[in-house]
Amino acid sequence: MFKTQPQWGERQDSKAAVLRTFAQDLGLDMSAYDAAVADDKTKDRIRKDVTDGTALGVTGTPTFFLNGEKLILNSEQEFRQKLSEAAK
């Protein structure tokens, strides 16, 4: 998904067709995929996730939290160090 993000991310127009192609390429059951995409429960879950993320201060992906704290990271090494310290 990160590799193909320029094809679908950061845009206001629908990318449903692009995402459906990804699902087909993965060999997903397309009837189940289409049903899940159309299901109001799926839309409600997405709305809840957006609301929760906004409340937590998520402004983009990836965003990492460790022990309830939003991490501000400058490097992978810094991320690894924080994980190592938290695991002690």
Protein backbone atom coordinates (compact mmCIF):
# COMPACT_ATOMS: atom_id res chain seq x y z
CA MET A 1 0.00 0.00 0.00
CA PHE A 2 2.84 2.41 0.77
CA LYS A 3 4.49 1.66 -2.58
CA THR A 4 1.27 2.48 -4.47
CA GLN A 5 0.19 5.39 -2.27
CA PRO A 6 0.75 8.00 -5.01
CA GLN A 7 -2.01 6.25 -7.00
CA TRP A 8 -4.68 6.56 -4.32
CA GLY A 9 -3.58 8.65 -1.35
CA GLU A 10 -4.02 12.31 -0.50
CA ARG A 11 -6.82 12.80 -3.03
CA GLN A 12 -10.39 13.97 -2.83
CA ASP A 13 -11.73 11.98 -5.80
CA SER A 14 -12.88 8.40 -5.33
CA LYS A 15 -10.23 5.75 -5.69
CA ALA A 16 -12.69 2.88 -5.30
CA ALA A 17 -11.74 1.41 -8.67
CA VAL A 18 -8.01 1.45 -7.83
CA LEU A 19 -8.61 -0.18 -4.44
CA ARG A 20 -10.90 -2.77 -6.02
CA THR A 21 -8.12 -3.64 -8.47
CA PHE A 22 -5.74 -4.14 -5.53
CA ALA A 23 -8.30 -6.50 -3.94
CA GLN A 24 -8.56 -8.48 -7.19
CA ASP A 25 -4.77 -8.65 -7.47
CA LEU A 26 -4.67 -10.11 -3.95
CA GLY A 27 -7.15 -12.79 -4.99
CA LEU A 28 -9.86 -11.69 -2.57
CA ASP A 29 -13.43 -12.94 -2.85
CA MET A 30 -14.80 -9.99 -4.80
CA SER A 31 -18.43 -10.64 -3.85
CA ALA A 32 -17.47 -10.45 -0.19
CA TYR A 33 -15.28 -7.40 -0.85
CA ASP A 34 -18.08 -5.54 -2.63
CA ALA A 35 -20.54 -6.44 0.12
CA ALA A 36 -18.16 -5.21 2.83
CA VAL A 37 -17.48 -1.94 0.98
CA ALA A 38 -21.21 -1.27 0.57
CA ASP A 39 -22.12 -2.28 4.14
CA ASP A 40 -23.13 0.60 6.43
CA LYS A 41 -21.31 -1.18 9.27
CA THR A 42 -18.04 -0.73 7.36
CA LYS A 43 -18.76 2.96 6.82
CA ASP A 44 -19.66 3.38 10.50
CA ARG A 45 -16.40 1.68 11.52
CA ILE A 46 -14.39 4.02 9.30
CA ARG A 47 -16.17 7.07 10.73
CA LYS A 48 -15.44 5.84 14.27
CA ASP A 49 -11.78 5.24 13.43
CA VAL A 50 -11.47 8.75 11.98
CA THR A 51 -13.15 10.26 15.05
CA ASP A 52 -10.94 8.27 17.42
CA GLY A 53 -7.79 9.17 15.49
CA THR A 54 -8.67 12.85 15.44
CA ALA A 55 -9.31 12.80 19.20
CA LEU A 56 -5.87 11.23 19.74
CA GLY A 57 -4.12 13.80 17.56
CA VAL A 58 -3.44 11.56 14.58
CA THR A 59 -2.73 13.76 11.58
CA GLY A 60 -1.29 11.20 9.17
CA THR A 61 0.08 7.73 8.72
CA PRO A 62 1.96 6.16 10.09
CA THR A 63 1.38 7.48 13.61
CA PHE A 64 2.75 5.48 16.51
CA PHE A 65 1.73 5.40 20.16
CA LEU A 66 3.73 3.77 22.92
CA ASN A 67 2.31 3.35 26.40
CA GLY A 68 -0.46 5.80 25.54
CA GLU A 69 1.90 8.51 24.29
CA LYS A 70 2.04 9.72 20.70
CA LEU A 71 5.59 9.34 19.45
CA ILE A 72 7.37 12.07 17.54
CA LEU A 73 10.16 10.27 15.74
CA ASN A 74 13.05 11.48 13.64
CA SER A 75 14.51 8.14 12.66
CA GLU A 76 14.00 4.40 12.68
CA GLN A 77 16.84 4.14 15.20
CA GLU A 78 14.98 6.47 17.57
CA PHE A 79 11.87 4.31 17.19
CA ARG A 80 13.84 1.14 17.94
CA GLN A 81 15.44 2.78 20.98
CA LYS A 82 12.06 3.81 22.42
CA LEU A 83 10.69 0.31 21.86
CA SER A 84 13.72 -1.23 23.52
CA GLU A 85 13.44 1.07 26.52
CA ALA A 86 9.73 0.36 26.88
CA ALA A 87 10.35 -3.40 26.79
CA LYS A 88 12.63 -3.27 29.83
